[in-house]
Amino acid sequence: MRNVFLLWFFLPFSAEAQISIGAKAGLNFVNVTDPAGINASSRSGYMIGGFISPKPKKLIGFRSEIILSRQGYDYQSNTNTGTVNLDYLLLPQLITFNFTKRFEVHFGGQAAFLMNAAVDSAGGNGSGSLFDYFNRFNYGLAGGVQVAPFKGLFLGARMNVSLQDMNKTLPLGGNNPNFIPKEFIKNNVLQLYAGWRF
């Protein structure tokens, strides 16, 4: 029985004609929505990751990815300026529309786990852990396009729209540090990337 289970589990991955894997890296362009109380500006970061999917032989397919993504924002308050860096592990689960072997459209949902938070500030960083101010889990939608100029290489663009607030509510009477807006904010990201499909 055990051998039957292992065969069933690994069979799709063992046939080279059925599955493909890829690696990609690129830039994030981050926009923070509704940053009341601070002057938050867009900033850039990086992303690196990989995916597994069926080879694009049919019109509709799927794609599972794992991505390390540097996000965040630059801010300015009345007395302080600084940068907030948020490192997320992204897990997009996407439907792919393969119009040709060279052109794909992706759309789906995405879970995000905050792995690290850091503030480089001319003022104070608040008290306690930065995870006291930011949600550890986030989710949203992802969609984009990808082209393959020649076999192996691909270039793409994707928009990630957050549906969950980045920051937490504070206890009654609590005060936000300078880098946290007075209202809830969302982190939306445009990703431009290049990669290789093996």
N, C-alpha and C. Protein backbone atom coordinates (compact mmCIF):
# COMPACT_ATOMS: atom_id res chain seq x y z
N MET A 1 0.82 -1.20 0.00
CA MET A 1 0.00 0.00 0.00
C MET A 1 0.86 1.26 0.00
N ARG A 2 1.93 1.22 0.80
CA ARG A 2 2.83 2.37 0.88
C ARG A 2 3.45 2.67 -0.49
N ASN A 3 3.88 1.61 -1.22
CA ASN A 3 4.48 1.81 -2.53
C ASN A 3 3.49 2.39 -3.52
N VAL A 4 2.23 1.96 -3.42
CA VAL A 4 1.20 2.50 -4.30
C VAL A 4 1.00 4.00 -4.03
N PHE A 5 0.98 4.38 -2.75
CA PHE A 5 0.83 5.79 -2.40
C PHE A 5 2.00 6.62 -2.92
N LEU A 6 3.23 6.13 -2.74
CA LEU A 6 4.41 6.87 -3.21
C LEU A 6 4.40 7.01 -4.72
N LEU A 7 3.99 5.95 -5.42
CA LEU A 7 3.90 6.02 -6.88
C LEU A 7 2.86 7.04 -7.30
N TRP A 8 1.71 7.04 -6.64
CA TRP A 8 0.65 7.99 -6.96
C TRP A 8 1.09 9.43 -6.69
N PHE A 9 1.86 9.64 -5.62
CA PHE A 9 2.28 10.99 -5.24
C PHE A 9 3.36 11.53 -6.17
N PHE A 10 4.34 10.69 -6.53
CA PHE A 10 5.47 11.18 -7.29
C PHE A 10 5.35 11.00 -8.80
N LEU A 11 4.37 10.26 -9.27
CA LEU A 11 4.22 10.02 -10.70
C LEU A 11 4.08 11.31 -11.50
N PRO A 12 3.23 12.28 -11.06
CA PRO A 12 3.13 13.50 -11.86
C PRO A 12 4.44 14.26 -11.97
N PHE A 13 5.31 14.16 -10.96
CA PHE A 13 6.56 14.90 -10.96
C PHE A 13 7.67 14.18 -11.72
N SER A 14 7.48 12.89 -11.95
CA SER A 14 8.54 12.11 -12.57
C SER A 14 8.51 12.18 -14.09
N ALA A 15 7.38 12.55 -14.64
CA ALA A 15 7.27 12.60 -16.10
C ALA A 15 7.63 14.00 -16.58
N GLU A 16 8.73 14.10 -17.26
CA GLU A 16 9.24 15.41 -17.67
C GLU A 16 8.26 16.13 -18.57
N ALA A 17 7.49 15.39 -19.36
CA ALA A 17 6.57 16.02 -20.30
C ALA A 17 5.37 16.64 -19.60
N GLN A 18 5.12 16.31 -18.35
CA GLN A 18 3.91 16.77 -17.69
C GLN A 18 4.11 18.02 -16.85
N ILE A 19 5.27 18.21 -16.29
CA ILE A 19 5.45 19.24 -15.29
C ILE A 19 6.67 20.10 -15.63
N SER A 20 6.61 21.35 -15.23
CA SER A 20 7.78 22.21 -15.40
C SER A 20 7.99 23.02 -14.13
N ILE A 21 9.23 23.38 -13.90
CA ILE A 21 9.57 24.23 -12.78
C ILE A 21 10.31 25.45 -13.33
N GLY A 22 10.31 26.50 -12.55
CA GLY A 22 10.99 27.71 -12.99
C GLY A 22 11.48 28.51 -11.82
N ALA A 23 12.40 29.40 -12.09
CA ALA A 23 12.93 30.32 -11.09
C ALA A 23 12.83 31.72 -11.66
N LYS A 24 12.60 32.71 -10.78
CA LYS A 24 12.47 34.08 -11.26
C LYS A 24 12.93 35.06 -10.19
N ALA A 25 13.27 36.26 -10.64
CA ALA A 25 13.68 37.33 -9.75
C ALA A 25 13.32 38.65 -10.41
N GLY A 26 13.12 39.68 -9.58
CA GLY A 26 12.75 40.96 -10.16
C GLY A 26 12.62 42.05 -9.11
N LEU A 27 11.90 43.09 -9.49
CA LEU A 27 11.73 44.28 -8.66
C LEU A 27 10.28 44.45 -8.25
N ASN A 28 10.09 44.95 -7.03
CA ASN A 28 8.77 45.34 -6.53
C ASN A 28 8.67 46.86 -6.54
N PHE A 29 7.52 47.37 -6.96
CA PHE A 29 7.20 48.79 -6.85
C PHE A 29 5.96 48.88 -5.97
N VAL A 30 6.14 49.40 -4.75
CA VAL A 30 5.13 49.30 -3.70
C VAL A 30 4.37 50.60 -3.56
N ASN A 31 3.05 50.48 -3.41
CA ASN A 31 2.20 51.63 -3.15
C ASN A 31 1.37 51.34 -1.90
N VAL A 32 1.37 52.27 -0.95
CA VAL A 32 0.61 52.12 0.28
C VAL A 32 -0.68 52.94 0.17
N THR A 33 -1.82 52.30 0.44
CA THR A 33 -3.11 52.99 0.33
C THR A 33 -3.49 53.64 1.65
N ASP A 34 -4.13 54.80 1.57
CA ASP A 34 -4.71 55.51 2.72
C ASP A 34 -3.73 55.71 3.88
N PRO A 35 -2.57 56.30 3.65
CA PRO A 35 -1.61 56.47 4.75
C PRO A 35 -1.90 57.71 5.59
N ALA A 36 -3.05 57.78 6.23
CA ALA A 36 -3.41 58.95 7.04
C ALA A 36 -2.44 59.11 8.21
N GLY A 37 -2.01 60.34 8.43
CA GLY A 37 -1.16 60.63 9.56
C GLY A 37 0.32 60.65 9.24
N ILE A 38 0.71 60.05 8.09
CA ILE A 38 2.09 60.12 7.64
C ILE A 38 2.10 60.39 6.15
N ASN A 39 3.20 60.86 5.65
CA ASN A 39 3.37 61.06 4.21
C ASN A 39 4.13 59.86 3.67
N ALA A 40 3.40 58.81 3.33
CA ALA A 40 4.03 57.57 2.85
C ALA A 40 4.22 57.64 1.34
N SER A 41 5.41 57.32 0.89
CA SER A 41 5.70 57.36 -0.54
C SER A 41 6.02 55.97 -1.06
N SER A 42 5.86 55.81 -2.36
CA SER A 42 6.15 54.54 -3.00
C SER A 42 7.64 54.24 -2.92
N ARG A 43 7.96 52.98 -2.93
CA ARG A 43 9.38 52.60 -2.92
C ARG A 43 9.54 51.27 -3.64
N SER A 44 10.78 50.92 -3.92
CA SER A 44 11.06 49.68 -4.62
C SER A 44 11.69 48.66 -3.68
N GLY A 45 11.56 47.41 -4.04
CA GLY A 45 12.15 46.30 -3.30
C GLY A 45 12.52 45.21 -4.28
N TYR A 46 12.73 44.01 -3.79
CA TYR A 46 13.10 42.90 -4.67
C TYR A 46 12.18 41.72 -4.42
N MET A 47 12.19 40.79 -5.36
CA MET A 47 11.49 39.53 -5.19
C MET A 47 12.31 38.44 -5.85
N ILE A 48 12.27 37.24 -5.25
CA ILE A 48 12.95 36.08 -5.81
C ILE A 48 12.16 34.84 -5.43
N GLY A 49 12.05 33.90 -6.35
CA GLY A 49 11.26 32.72 -6.02
C GLY A 49 11.24 31.70 -7.14
N GLY A 50 10.30 30.79 -7.04
CA GLY A 50 10.17 29.73 -8.03
C GLY A 50 8.74 29.26 -8.14
N PHE A 51 8.47 28.40 -9.11
CA PHE A 51 7.12 27.91 -9.33
C PHE A 51 7.16 26.49 -9.88
N ILE A 52 6.02 25.86 -9.80
CA ILE A 52 5.80 24.55 -10.42
C ILE A 52 4.45 24.61 -11.12
N SER A 53 4.39 24.04 -12.33
CA SER A 53 3.15 24.08 -13.12
C SER A 53 3.21 23.02 -14.20
N PRO A 54 2.05 22.65 -14.75
CA PRO A 54 2.07 21.82 -15.95
C PRO A 54 2.68 22.60 -17.10
N LYS A 55 3.27 21.91 -18.05
CA LYS A 55 3.77 22.60 -19.23
C LYS A 55 2.59 23.18 -20.00
N PRO A 56 2.74 24.41 -20.52
CA PRO A 56 1.59 25.11 -21.12
C PRO A 56 1.19 24.55 -22.48
N LYS A 57 0.50 23.40 -22.46
CA LYS A 57 0.04 22.78 -23.70
C LYS A 57 -1.46 22.99 -23.92
N LYS A 58 -2.19 23.32 -22.84
CA LYS A 58 -3.62 23.54 -22.94
C LYS A 58 -3.93 25.00 -22.65
N LEU A 59 -5.14 25.41 -22.99
CA LEU A 59 -5.53 26.81 -22.79
C LEU A 59 -5.50 27.19 -21.33
N ILE A 60 -6.04 26.34 -20.45
CA ILE A 60 -6.14 26.67 -19.02
C ILE A 60 -5.27 25.71 -18.22
N GLY A 61 -4.49 26.27 -17.31
CA GLY A 61 -3.64 25.48 -16.44
C GLY A 61 -3.60 26.08 -15.04
N PHE A 62 -2.63 25.68 -14.26
CA PHE A 62 -2.47 26.24 -12.92
C PHE A 62 -0.99 26.41 -12.63
N ARG A 63 -0.72 27.15 -11.57
CA ARG A 63 0.67 27.45 -11.21
C ARG A 63 0.73 27.72 -9.72
N SER A 64 1.64 27.06 -9.02
CA SER A 64 1.89 27.29 -7.60
C SER A 64 3.28 27.90 -7.45
N GLU A 65 3.37 28.97 -6.67
CA GLU A 65 4.64 29.69 -6.52
C GLU A 65 5.01 29.85 -5.06
N ILE A 66 6.29 30.08 -4.83
CA ILE A 66 6.79 30.49 -3.52
C ILE A 66 7.79 31.62 -3.77
N ILE A 67 7.56 32.76 -3.12
CA ILE A 67 8.33 33.97 -3.42
C ILE A 67 8.72 34.67 -2.12
N LEU A 68 9.96 35.11 -2.04
CA LEU A 68 10.40 36.00 -0.98
C LEU A 68 10.34 37.42 -1.54
N SER A 69 9.61 38.30 -0.85
CA SER A 69 9.30 39.62 -1.38
C SER A 69 9.61 40.71 -0.35
N ARG A 70 10.48 41.67 -0.72
CA ARG A 70 10.77 42.83 0.12
C ARG A 70 9.78 43.94 -0.25
N GLN A 71 8.99 44.36 0.74
CA GLN A 71 7.99 45.40 0.55
C GLN A 71 8.16 46.46 1.63
N GLY A 72 7.20 47.36 1.76
CA GLY A 72 7.30 48.40 2.77
C GLY A 72 7.01 49.77 2.21
N TYR A 73 7.50 50.79 2.89
CA TYR A 73 7.25 52.17 2.44
C TYR A 73 8.23 53.12 3.10
N ASP A 74 8.44 54.25 2.45
CA ASP A 74 9.16 55.37 3.04
C ASP A 74 8.13 56.29 3.67
N TYR A 75 8.46 56.93 4.78
CA TYR A 75 7.49 57.78 5.43
C TYR A 75 8.13 59.07 5.94
N GLN A 76 7.26 60.04 6.14
CA GLN A 76 7.67 61.32 6.72
C GLN A 76 6.53 61.83 7.58
N SER A 77 6.81 62.10 8.82
CA SER A 77 5.83 62.72 9.72
C SER A 77 6.29 64.15 10.00
N ASN A 78 5.68 64.79 10.98
CA ASN A 78 6.05 66.18 11.27
C ASN A 78 7.51 66.31 11.67
N THR A 79 8.05 65.33 12.38
CA THR A 79 9.40 65.46 12.91
C THR A 79 10.35 64.36 12.47
N ASN A 80 9.86 63.29 11.84
CA ASN A 80 10.72 62.14 11.56
C ASN A 80 10.55 61.65 10.13
N THR A 81 11.60 61.05 9.60
CA THR A 81 11.56 60.38 8.32
C THR A 81 12.18 58.99 8.49
N GLY A 82 11.86 58.10 7.58
CA GLY A 82 12.44 56.77 7.69
C GLY A 82 11.90 55.82 6.65
N THR A 83 12.32 54.57 6.79
CA THR A 83 11.94 53.51 5.87
C THR A 83 11.45 52.31 6.67
N VAL A 84 10.34 51.73 6.25
CA VAL A 84 9.82 50.51 6.83
C VAL A 84 10.05 49.38 5.83
N ASN A 85 10.80 48.36 6.22
CA ASN A 85 11.04 47.18 5.38
C ASN A 85 10.27 45.99 5.94
N LEU A 86 9.47 45.38 5.07
CA LEU A 86 8.67 44.21 5.44
C LEU A 86 8.99 43.08 4.47
N ASP A 87 9.49 41.98 4.99
CA ASP A 87 9.84 40.82 4.17
C ASP A 87 8.74 39.77 4.29
N TYR A 88 8.11 39.46 3.17
CA TYR A 88 7.00 38.51 3.13
C TYR A 88 7.40 37.25 2.38
N LEU A 89 6.84 36.13 2.81
CA LEU A 89 6.85 34.89 2.04
C LEU A 89 5.49 34.81 1.36
N LEU A 90 5.48 34.89 0.03
CA LEU A 90 4.24 34.88 -0.75
C LEU A 90 4.00 33.48 -1.31
N LEU A 91 2.74 33.06 -1.28
CA LEU A 91 2.34 31.76 -1.82
C LEU A 91 1.18 31.94 -2.80
N PRO A 92 1.45 32.41 -4.02
CA PRO A 92 0.38 32.57 -5.01
C PRO A 92 -0.09 31.22 -5.55
N GLN A 93 -1.39 31.09 -5.72
CA GLN A 93 -2.01 29.94 -6.38
C GLN A 93 -2.81 30.49 -7.54
N LEU A 94 -2.37 30.23 -8.76
CA LEU A 94 -2.85 30.96 -9.93
C LEU A 94 -3.46 30.04 -10.98
N ILE A 95 -4.47 30.55 -11.65
CA ILE A 95 -4.98 29.95 -12.87
C ILE A 95 -4.23 30.61 -14.02
N THR A 96 -3.78 29.81 -14.99
CA THR A 96 -3.06 30.36 -16.14
C THR A 96 -3.88 30.17 -17.40
N PHE A 97 -3.85 31.18 -18.24
CA PHE A 97 -4.47 31.12 -19.56
C PHE A 97 -3.34 31.18 -20.58
N ASN A 98 -3.09 30.06 -21.23
CA ASN A 98 -1.96 29.93 -22.14
C ASN A 98 -2.45 30.13 -23.58
N PHE A 99 -2.38 31.38 -24.06
CA PHE A 99 -2.92 31.69 -25.38
C PHE A 99 -2.02 31.17 -26.49
N THR A 100 -0.72 31.15 -26.25
CA THR A 100 0.23 30.49 -27.12
C THR A 100 1.33 29.93 -26.22
N LYS A 101 2.33 29.30 -26.80
CA LYS A 101 3.47 28.84 -26.00
C LYS A 101 4.30 30.01 -25.50
N ARG A 102 4.07 31.18 -26.06
CA ARG A 102 4.88 32.36 -25.74
C ARG A 102 4.17 33.37 -24.85
N PHE A 103 2.86 33.25 -24.67
CA PHE A 103 2.11 34.30 -23.95
C PHE A 103 1.13 33.68 -22.96
N GLU A 104 1.22 34.11 -21.67
CA GLU A 104 0.35 33.60 -20.61
C GLU A 104 -0.26 34.77 -19.84
N VAL A 105 -1.47 34.54 -19.35
CA VAL A 105 -2.12 35.45 -18.41
C VAL A 105 -2.37 34.68 -17.13
N HIS A 106 -2.05 35.28 -15.97
CA HIS A 106 -2.19 34.62 -14.67
C HIS A 106 -3.19 35.39 -13.82
N PHE A 107 -3.99 34.65 -13.05
CA PHE A 107 -4.88 35.29 -12.09
C PHE A 107 -5.20 34.31 -10.97
N GLY A 108 -5.26 34.84 -9.72
CA GLY A 108 -5.59 33.96 -8.61
C GLY A 108 -5.46 34.64 -7.27
N GLY A 109 -5.39 33.82 -6.22
CA GLY A 109 -5.27 34.31 -4.86
C GLY A 109 -3.86 34.14 -4.33
N GLN A 110 -3.59 34.86 -3.26
CA GLN A 110 -2.24 34.84 -2.71
C GLN A 110 -2.27 34.99 -1.19
N ALA A 111 -1.56 34.12 -0.51
CA ALA A 111 -1.36 34.26 0.93
C ALA A 111 0.04 34.82 1.16
N ALA A 112 0.17 35.63 2.21
CA ALA A 112 1.47 36.25 2.52
C ALA A 112 1.73 36.14 4.01
N PHE A 113 2.95 35.75 4.35
CA PHE A 113 3.36 35.61 5.75
C PHE A 113 4.52 36.57 6.01
N LEU A 114 4.35 37.45 6.97
CA LEU A 114 5.39 38.42 7.32
C LEU A 114 6.51 37.70 8.06
N MET A 115 7.71 37.69 7.47
CA MET A 115 8.84 36.98 8.05
C MET A 115 9.75 37.89 8.87
N ASN A 116 9.84 39.16 8.45
CA ASN A 116 10.73 40.10 9.13
C ASN A 116 10.20 41.51 8.95
N ALA A 117 10.38 42.34 9.99
CA ALA A 117 9.98 43.75 9.93
C ALA A 117 11.10 44.58 10.54
N ALA A 118 11.46 45.66 9.85
CA ALA A 118 12.54 46.52 10.33
C ALA A 118 12.21 47.96 9.97
N VAL A 119 12.63 48.89 10.84
CA VAL A 119 12.42 50.31 10.62
C VAL A 119 13.74 51.03 10.75
N ASP A 120 14.08 51.79 9.71
CA ASP A 120 15.25 52.66 9.73
C ASP A 120 14.70 54.08 9.85
N SER A 121 14.84 54.66 11.04
CA SER A 121 14.13 55.90 11.33
C SER A 121 15.04 56.92 11.99
N ALA A 122 14.77 58.20 11.68
CA ALA A 122 15.45 59.28 12.38
C ALA A 122 14.83 59.53 13.74
N GLY A 123 13.64 58.96 13.97
CA GLY A 123 12.97 59.09 15.27
C GLY A 123 12.93 57.77 15.98
N GLY A 124 12.06 57.62 16.96
CA GLY A 124 11.95 56.37 17.71
C GLY A 124 11.24 55.30 16.94
N ASN A 125 11.48 54.04 17.29
CA ASN A 125 10.83 52.91 16.66
C ASN A 125 9.65 52.38 17.46
N GLY A 126 9.22 53.10 18.47
CA GLY A 126 8.15 52.59 19.30
C GLY A 126 8.71 51.62 20.31
N SER A 127 7.84 51.06 21.11
CA SER A 127 8.28 50.10 22.12
C SER A 127 7.80 48.71 21.75
N GLY A 128 8.53 47.69 22.19
CA GLY A 128 8.14 46.31 21.91
C GLY A 128 8.57 45.87 20.53
N SER A 129 8.11 44.68 20.14
CA SER A 129 8.43 44.11 18.84
C SER A 129 7.67 44.82 17.74
N LEU A 130 8.29 44.91 16.56
CA LEU A 130 7.58 45.49 15.42
C LEU A 130 6.38 44.64 15.01
N PHE A 131 6.41 43.35 15.35
CA PHE A 131 5.27 42.48 15.04
C PHE A 131 4.05 42.86 15.87
N ASP A 132 4.23 43.71 16.89
CA ASP A 132 3.08 44.22 17.63
C ASP A 132 2.25 45.19 16.80
N TYR A 133 2.86 45.73 15.74
CA TYR A 133 2.20 46.76 14.93
C TYR A 133 1.74 46.27 13.57
N PHE A 134 2.30 45.16 13.08
CA PHE A 134 1.96 44.65 11.75
C PHE A 134 1.35 43.26 11.84
N ASN A 135 0.38 42.98 10.97
CA ASN A 135 -0.23 41.66 10.90
C ASN A 135 0.76 40.66 10.31
N ARG A 136 0.85 39.49 10.93
CA ARG A 136 1.77 38.46 10.45
C ARG A 136 1.24 37.75 9.20
N PHE A 137 -0.07 37.75 9.02
CA PHE A 137 -0.69 37.08 7.86
C PHE A 137 -1.43 38.10 7.02
N ASN A 138 -1.33 37.95 5.70
CA ASN A 138 -2.03 38.83 4.77
C ASN A 138 -2.52 37.98 3.60
N TYR A 139 -3.48 38.50 2.88
CA TYR A 139 -3.99 37.79 1.71
C TYR A 139 -4.47 38.80 0.69
N GLY A 140 -4.59 38.34 -0.55
CA GLY A 140 -5.03 39.25 -1.60
C GLY A 140 -5.17 38.54 -2.93
N LEU A 141 -5.23 39.34 -3.99
CA LEU A 141 -5.37 38.85 -5.35
C LEU A 141 -4.11 39.17 -6.14
N ALA A 142 -3.82 38.34 -7.13
CA ALA A 142 -2.66 38.55 -7.98
C ALA A 142 -3.05 38.28 -9.42
N GLY A 143 -2.56 39.12 -10.32
CA GLY A 143 -2.83 38.93 -11.74
C GLY A 143 -1.76 39.58 -12.58
N GLY A 144 -1.47 38.98 -13.74
CA GLY A 144 -0.45 39.56 -14.59
C GLY A 144 -0.29 38.81 -15.89
N VAL A 145 0.74 39.21 -16.63
CA VAL A 145 1.03 38.61 -17.93
C VAL A 145 2.49 38.17 -17.96
N GLN A 146 2.77 37.22 -18.85
CA GLN A 146 4.12 36.70 -19.00
C GLN A 146 4.37 36.35 -20.46
N VAL A 147 5.52 36.73 -20.97
CA VAL A 147 5.90 36.39 -22.35
C VAL A 147 7.21 35.62 -22.32
N ALA A 148 7.38 34.75 -23.32
CA ALA A 148 8.60 33.94 -23.45
C ALA A 148 9.21 34.25 -24.82
N PRO A 149 10.21 35.14 -24.88
CA PRO A 149 10.81 35.51 -26.17
C PRO A 149 11.43 34.31 -26.89
N PHE A 150 12.02 33.40 -26.11
CA PHE A 150 12.52 32.15 -26.68
C PHE A 150 12.48 31.09 -25.59
N LYS A 151 12.70 29.85 -25.96
CA LYS A 151 12.53 28.72 -25.04
C LYS A 151 13.39 28.89 -23.79
N GLY A 152 12.73 28.77 -22.65
CA GLY A 152 13.42 28.88 -21.37
C GLY A 152 13.21 30.23 -20.72
N LEU A 153 13.63 31.32 -21.38
CA LEU A 153 13.54 32.66 -20.80
C LEU A 153 12.11 33.15 -20.80
N PHE A 154 11.71 33.82 -19.71
CA PHE A 154 10.41 34.50 -19.69
C PHE A 154 10.54 35.82 -18.96
N LEU A 155 9.67 36.76 -19.33
CA LEU A 155 9.57 38.08 -18.73
C LEU A 155 8.13 38.30 -18.32
N GLY A 156 7.91 38.97 -17.18
CA GLY A 156 6.54 39.13 -16.73
C GLY A 156 6.31 40.37 -15.90
N ALA A 157 5.03 40.68 -15.74
CA ALA A 157 4.58 41.78 -14.88
C ALA A 157 3.34 41.30 -14.15
N ARG A 158 3.26 41.63 -12.86
CA ARG A 158 2.14 41.18 -12.04
C ARG A 158 1.75 42.27 -11.05
N MET A 159 0.46 42.38 -10.80
CA MET A 159 -0.05 43.29 -9.78
C MET A 159 -0.62 42.47 -8.63
N ASN A 160 -0.13 42.74 -7.42
CA ASN A 160 -0.64 42.10 -6.20
C ASN A 160 -1.46 43.13 -5.44
N VAL A 161 -2.73 42.83 -5.22
CA VAL A 161 -3.64 43.74 -4.52
C VAL A 161 -3.97 43.12 -3.16
N SER A 162 -3.59 43.82 -2.10
CA SER A 162 -3.82 43.32 -0.74
C SER A 162 -5.27 43.54 -0.33
N LEU A 163 -5.87 42.54 0.30
CA LEU A 163 -7.23 42.64 0.83
C LEU A 163 -7.25 42.72 2.35
N GLN A 164 -6.08 42.61 2.96
CA GLN A 164 -5.96 42.62 4.42
C GLN A 164 -5.12 43.83 4.82
N ASP A 165 -5.48 44.47 5.94
CA ASP A 165 -4.70 45.59 6.44
C ASP A 165 -3.32 45.13 6.88
N MET A 166 -2.31 45.96 6.61
CA MET A 166 -0.95 45.65 7.04
C MET A 166 -0.78 45.82 8.55
N ASN A 167 -1.35 46.89 9.08
CA ASN A 167 -1.12 47.23 10.48
C ASN A 167 -2.27 46.77 11.35
N LYS A 168 -2.00 46.62 12.65
CA LYS A 168 -2.98 46.14 13.61
C LYS A 168 -3.67 47.30 14.32
N THR A 169 -4.80 46.98 14.93
CA THR A 169 -5.40 47.94 15.84
C THR A 169 -4.59 47.95 17.12
N LEU A 170 -4.50 49.13 17.73
CA LEU A 170 -3.80 49.25 19.01
C LEU A 170 -4.79 49.22 20.16
N PRO A 171 -4.36 48.84 21.34
CA PRO A 171 -5.27 48.86 22.50
C PRO A 171 -5.83 50.26 22.73
N LEU A 172 -6.98 50.31 23.36
CA LEU A 172 -7.62 51.59 23.64
C LEU A 172 -6.65 52.49 24.40
N GLY A 173 -6.46 53.69 23.89
CA GLY A 173 -5.53 54.61 24.53
C GLY A 173 -4.11 54.46 24.06
N GLY A 174 -3.82 53.44 23.21
CA GLY A 174 -2.46 53.25 22.72
C GLY A 174 -2.09 54.29 21.68
N ASN A 175 -0.82 54.54 21.54
CA ASN A 175 -0.33 55.52 20.58
C ASN A 175 0.53 54.82 19.53
N ASN A 176 0.30 55.20 18.27
CA ASN A 176 1.12 54.65 17.20
C ASN A 176 2.49 55.29 17.21
N PRO A 177 3.54 54.51 16.92
CA PRO A 177 4.84 55.14 16.68
C PRO A 177 4.79 55.95 15.39
N ASN A 178 5.84 56.71 15.13
CA ASN A 178 5.83 57.64 13.99
C ASN A 178 5.66 56.97 12.64
N PHE A 179 6.08 55.70 12.51
CA PHE A 179 6.05 55.04 11.21
C PHE A 179 4.74 54.33 10.92
N ILE A 180 3.78 54.34 11.86
CA ILE A 180 2.49 53.69 11.66
C ILE A 180 1.42 54.76 11.44
N PRO A 181 0.68 54.70 10.32
CA PRO A 181 -0.39 55.66 10.09
C PRO A 181 -1.49 55.55 11.14
N LYS A 182 -2.31 56.59 11.22
CA LYS A 182 -3.42 56.59 12.17
C LYS A 182 -4.56 55.71 11.69
N GLU A 183 -4.61 55.44 10.40
CA GLU A 183 -5.65 54.59 9.82
C GLU A 183 -5.02 53.29 9.32
N PHE A 184 -5.88 52.34 8.95
CA PHE A 184 -5.39 51.08 8.39
C PHE A 184 -4.84 51.31 6.98
N ILE A 185 -3.78 50.59 6.65
CA ILE A 185 -3.16 50.71 5.33
C ILE A 185 -3.06 49.34 4.67
N LYS A 186 -2.99 49.38 3.35
CA LYS A 186 -2.80 48.17 2.56
C LYS A 186 -1.58 48.36 1.66
N ASN A 187 -0.91 47.27 1.36
CA ASN A 187 0.32 47.27 0.58
C ASN A 187 0.03 46.66 -0.78
N ASN A 188 0.00 47.45 -1.85
CA ASN A 188 -0.21 46.94 -3.20
C ASN A 188 1.11 47.00 -3.96
N VAL A 189 1.40 45.96 -4.73
CA VAL A 189 2.74 45.80 -5.30
C VAL A 189 2.66 45.47 -6.78
N LEU A 190 3.41 46.22 -7.58
CA LEU A 190 3.65 45.88 -8.98
C LEU A 190 4.99 45.16 -9.06
N GLN A 191 5.00 43.96 -9.64
CA GLN A 191 6.23 43.18 -9.78
C GLN A 191 6.62 43.08 -11.24
N LEU A 192 7.87 43.38 -11.54
CA LEU A 192 8.46 43.16 -12.87
C LEU A 192 9.57 42.15 -12.70
N TYR A 193 9.55 41.07 -13.47
CA TYR A 193 10.50 39.98 -13.22
C TYR A 193 10.95 39.31 -14.51
N ALA A 194 12.04 38.59 -14.37
CA ALA A 194 12.55 37.73 -15.44
C ALA A 194 12.91 36.38 -14.82
N GLY A 195 12.89 35.34 -15.64
CA GLY A 195 13.20 34.03 -15.09
C GLY A 195 13.46 33.01 -16.17
N TRP A 196 13.61 31.77 -15.70
CA TRP A 196 13.94 30.66 -16.61
C TRP A 196 13.06 29.46 -16.27
N ARG A 197 12.42 28.89 -17.29
CA ARG A 197 11.62 27.68 -17.13
C ARG A 197 12.46 26.47 -17.55
N PHE A 198 12.61 25.50 -16.65
CA PHE A 198 13.47 24.35 -16.92
C PHE A 198 12.67 23.21 -17.56
